[in-house]
Amino acid sequence: MARIEKNGLALDETLYDFLVTEALPGTGVDADRFFSEFSKIVHNLAPKNRDLLAKRDAFQLTEGVPSRRSAARKRQSGTRQPDRHPQSAG
């Protein structure tokens, strides 16, 4: 998957091409300005997003739900836990 670096963001090449060639033309928004402003928003909200994800992970641990990080590690290691809520044969 190719990445495009733009204003401190690493964007998927397909998404970048779509925005530049299809989404932005005709809107009156310059692509360089869009990525500049979008980068500011992403970087300004990143600390808050990390805090919210940490709170979610802590909440899920207290509820017995594995965090997304621990679930990802299990998927990468090849171990799989049984489904917590198997489908009923309704």
C-alpha atoms as a PDB file:
ATOM      1  CA  MET A   1       0.000   0.000   0.000  1.00  0.00           C
ATOM      2  CA  ALA A   2       1.679   3.192  -1.183  1.00  0.00           C
ATOM      3  CA  ARG A   3       1.644   6.286   1.031  1.00  0.00           C
ATOM      4  CA  ILE A   4       1.790   9.978   0.182  1.00  0.00           C
ATOM      5  CA  GLU A   5       3.388  12.296   2.745  1.00  0.00           C
ATOM      6  CA  LYS A   6       1.560  15.614   2.882  1.00  0.00           C
ATOM      7  CA  ASN A   7       1.833  18.216   5.654  1.00  0.00           C
ATOM      8  CA  GLY A   8       2.907  15.647   8.228  1.00  0.00           C
ATOM      9  CA  LEU A   9       0.222  13.152   7.260  1.00  0.00           C
ATOM     10  CA  ALA A  10       0.789   9.731   5.717  1.00  0.00           C
ATOM     11  CA  LEU A  11      -2.117   9.249   3.327  1.00  0.00           C
ATOM     12  CA  ASP A  12      -3.052   6.188   1.346  1.00  0.00           C
ATOM     13  CA  GLU A  13      -2.241   6.950  -2.289  1.00  0.00           C
ATOM     14  CA  THR A  14      -5.723   5.950  -3.484  1.00  0.00           C
ATOM     15  CA  LEU A  15      -7.395   8.269  -0.969  1.00  0.00           C
ATOM     16  CA  TYR A  16      -5.034  11.114  -1.848  1.00  0.00           C
ATOM     17  CA  ASP A  17      -5.686  10.676  -5.584  1.00  0.00           C
ATOM     18  CA  PHE A  18      -9.452  10.572  -5.001  1.00  0.00           C
ATOM     19  CA  LEU A  19      -9.405  13.772  -2.954  1.00  0.00           C
ATOM     20  CA  VAL A  20      -7.186  15.659  -5.414  1.00  0.00           C
ATOM     21  CA  THR A  21      -8.810  14.497  -8.658  1.00  0.00           C
ATOM     22  CA  GLU A  22     -12.459  13.925  -7.728  1.00  0.00           C
ATOM     23  CA  ALA A  23     -13.562  15.283  -4.359  1.00  0.00           C
ATOM     24  CA  LEU A  24     -11.912  18.716  -4.227  1.00  0.00           C
ATOM     25  CA  PRO A  25     -12.206  19.988  -7.825  1.00  0.00           C
ATOM     26  CA  GLY A  26     -15.213  22.244  -8.203  1.00  0.00           C
ATOM     27  CA  THR A  27     -15.467  22.971  -4.476  1.00  0.00           C
ATOM     28  CA  GLY A  28     -13.296  26.075  -4.556  1.00  0.00           C
ATOM     29  CA  VAL A  29     -10.943  24.496  -2.027  1.00  0.00           C
ATOM     30  CA  ASP A  30      -7.308  24.299  -3.087  1.00  0.00           C
ATOM     31  CA  ALA A  31      -5.779  20.850  -2.433  1.00  0.00           C
ATOM     32  CA  ASP A  32      -2.679  22.297  -0.733  1.00  0.00           C
ATOM     33  CA  ARG A  33      -4.821  24.399   1.592  1.00  0.00           C
ATOM     34  CA  PHE A  34      -7.122  21.446   2.305  1.00  0.00           C
ATOM     35  CA  PHE A  35      -4.222  19.212   3.362  1.00  0.00           C
ATOM     36  CA  SER A  36      -2.623  22.006   5.378  1.00  0.00           C
ATOM     37  CA  GLU A  37      -5.814  22.690   7.333  1.00  0.00           C
ATOM     38  CA  PHE A  38      -6.715  19.000   7.648  1.00  0.00           C
ATOM     39  CA  SER A  39      -3.246  18.288   9.043  1.00  0.00           C
ATOM     40  CA  LYS A  40      -3.707  20.995  11.680  1.00  0.00           C
ATOM     41  CA  ILE A  41      -7.016  19.455  12.752  1.00  0.00           C
ATOM     42  CA  VAL A  42      -5.618  15.923  12.909  1.00  0.00           C
ATOM     43  CA  HIS A  43      -2.549  16.968  14.869  1.00  0.00           C
ATOM     44  CA  ASN A  44      -4.530  19.193  17.250  1.00  0.00           C
ATOM     45  CA  LEU A  45      -6.998  16.397  18.039  1.00  0.00           C
ATOM     46  CA  ALA A  46      -4.451  13.546  18.232  1.00  0.00           C
ATOM     47  CA  PRO A  47      -3.704  13.948  21.984  1.00  0.00           C
ATOM     48  CA  LYS A  48      -7.411  14.033  22.833  1.00  0.00           C
ATOM     49  CA  ASN A  49      -8.034  11.003  20.631  1.00  0.00           C
ATOM     50  CA  ARG A  50      -5.237   9.064  22.381  1.00  0.00           C
ATOM     51  CA  ASP A  51      -6.717   9.972  25.776  1.00  0.00           C
ATOM     52  CA  LEU A  52     -10.185   8.846  24.718  1.00  0.00           C
ATOM     53  CA  LEU A  53      -8.841   5.557  23.340  1.00  0.00           C
ATOM     54  CA  ALA A  54      -6.992   4.950  26.627  1.00  0.00           C
ATOM     55  CA  LYS A  55     -10.204   5.597  28.586  1.00  0.00           C
ATOM     56  CA  ARG A  56     -12.093   3.218  26.310  1.00  0.00           C
ATOM     57  CA  ASP A  57      -9.443   0.530  26.777  1.00  0.00           C
ATOM     58  CA  ALA A  58      -9.552   0.983  30.566  1.00  0.00           C
ATOM     59  CA  PHE A  59     -13.345   0.766  30.552  1.00  0.00           C
ATOM     60  CA  GLN A  60     -13.321  -2.360  28.415  1.00  0.00           C
ATOM     61  CA  LEU A  61     -10.812  -4.014  30.741  1.00  0.00           C
ATOM     62  CA  THR A  62     -13.088  -3.382  33.719  1.00  0.00           C
ATOM     63  CA  GLU A  63     -15.967  -4.887  31.729  1.00  0.00           C
ATOM     64  CA  GLY A  64     -13.915  -7.936  30.712  1.00  0.00           C
ATOM     65  CA  VAL A  65     -13.675  -6.945  27.048  1.00  0.00           C
ATOM     66  CA  PRO A  66     -10.177  -7.219  25.584  1.00  0.00           C
ATOM     67  CA  SER A  67      -8.710  -3.964  24.325  1.00  0.00           C
ATOM     68  CA  ARG A  68      -8.177  -3.535  20.621  1.00  0.00           C
ATOM     69  CA  ARG A  69      -4.416  -3.714  21.178  1.00  0.00           C
ATOM     70  CA  SER A  70      -4.554  -7.025  23.023  1.00  0.00           C
ATOM     71  CA  ALA A  71      -6.967  -8.413  20.428  1.00  0.00           C
ATOM     72  CA  ALA A  72      -4.624  -7.316  17.638  1.00  0.00           C
ATOM     73  CA  ARG A  73      -1.670  -8.962  19.388  1.00  0.00           C
ATOM     74  CA  LYS A  74      -3.628 -12.206  19.671  1.00  0.00           C
ATOM     75  CA  ARG A  75      -4.520 -12.088  15.976  1.00  0.00           C
ATOM     76  CA  GLN A  76      -0.880 -11.505  15.059  1.00  0.00           C
ATOM     77  CA  SER A  77       0.309 -14.356  17.278  1.00  0.00           C
ATOM     78  CA  GLY A  78      -2.212 -16.726  15.735  1.00  0.00           C
ATOM     79  CA  THR A  79      -4.114 -17.416  18.961  1.00  0.00           C
ATOM     80  CA  ARG A  80      -7.823 -16.924  18.965  1.00  0.00           C
ATOM     81  CA  GLN A  81     -10.235 -16.800  21.839  1.00  0.00           C
ATOM     82  CA  PRO A  82     -13.660 -18.387  21.510  1.00  0.00           C
ATOM     83  CA  ASP A  83     -16.549 -16.052  20.766  1.00  0.00           C
ATOM     84  CA  ARG A  84     -17.928 -14.501  23.939  1.00  0.00           C
ATOM     85  CA  HIS A  85     -21.464 -14.500  22.567  1.00  0.00           C
ATOM     86  CA  PRO A  86     -21.985 -17.398  20.184  1.00  0.00           C
ATOM     87  CA  GLN A  87     -24.895 -17.085  17.803  1.00  0.00           C
ATOM     88  CA  SER A  88     -27.974 -18.869  19.009  1.00  0.00           C
ATOM     89  CA  ALA A  89     -29.471 -21.477  16.718  1.00  0.00           C
ATOM     90  CA  GLY A  90     -32.697 -19.454  16.536  1.00  0.00           C
END
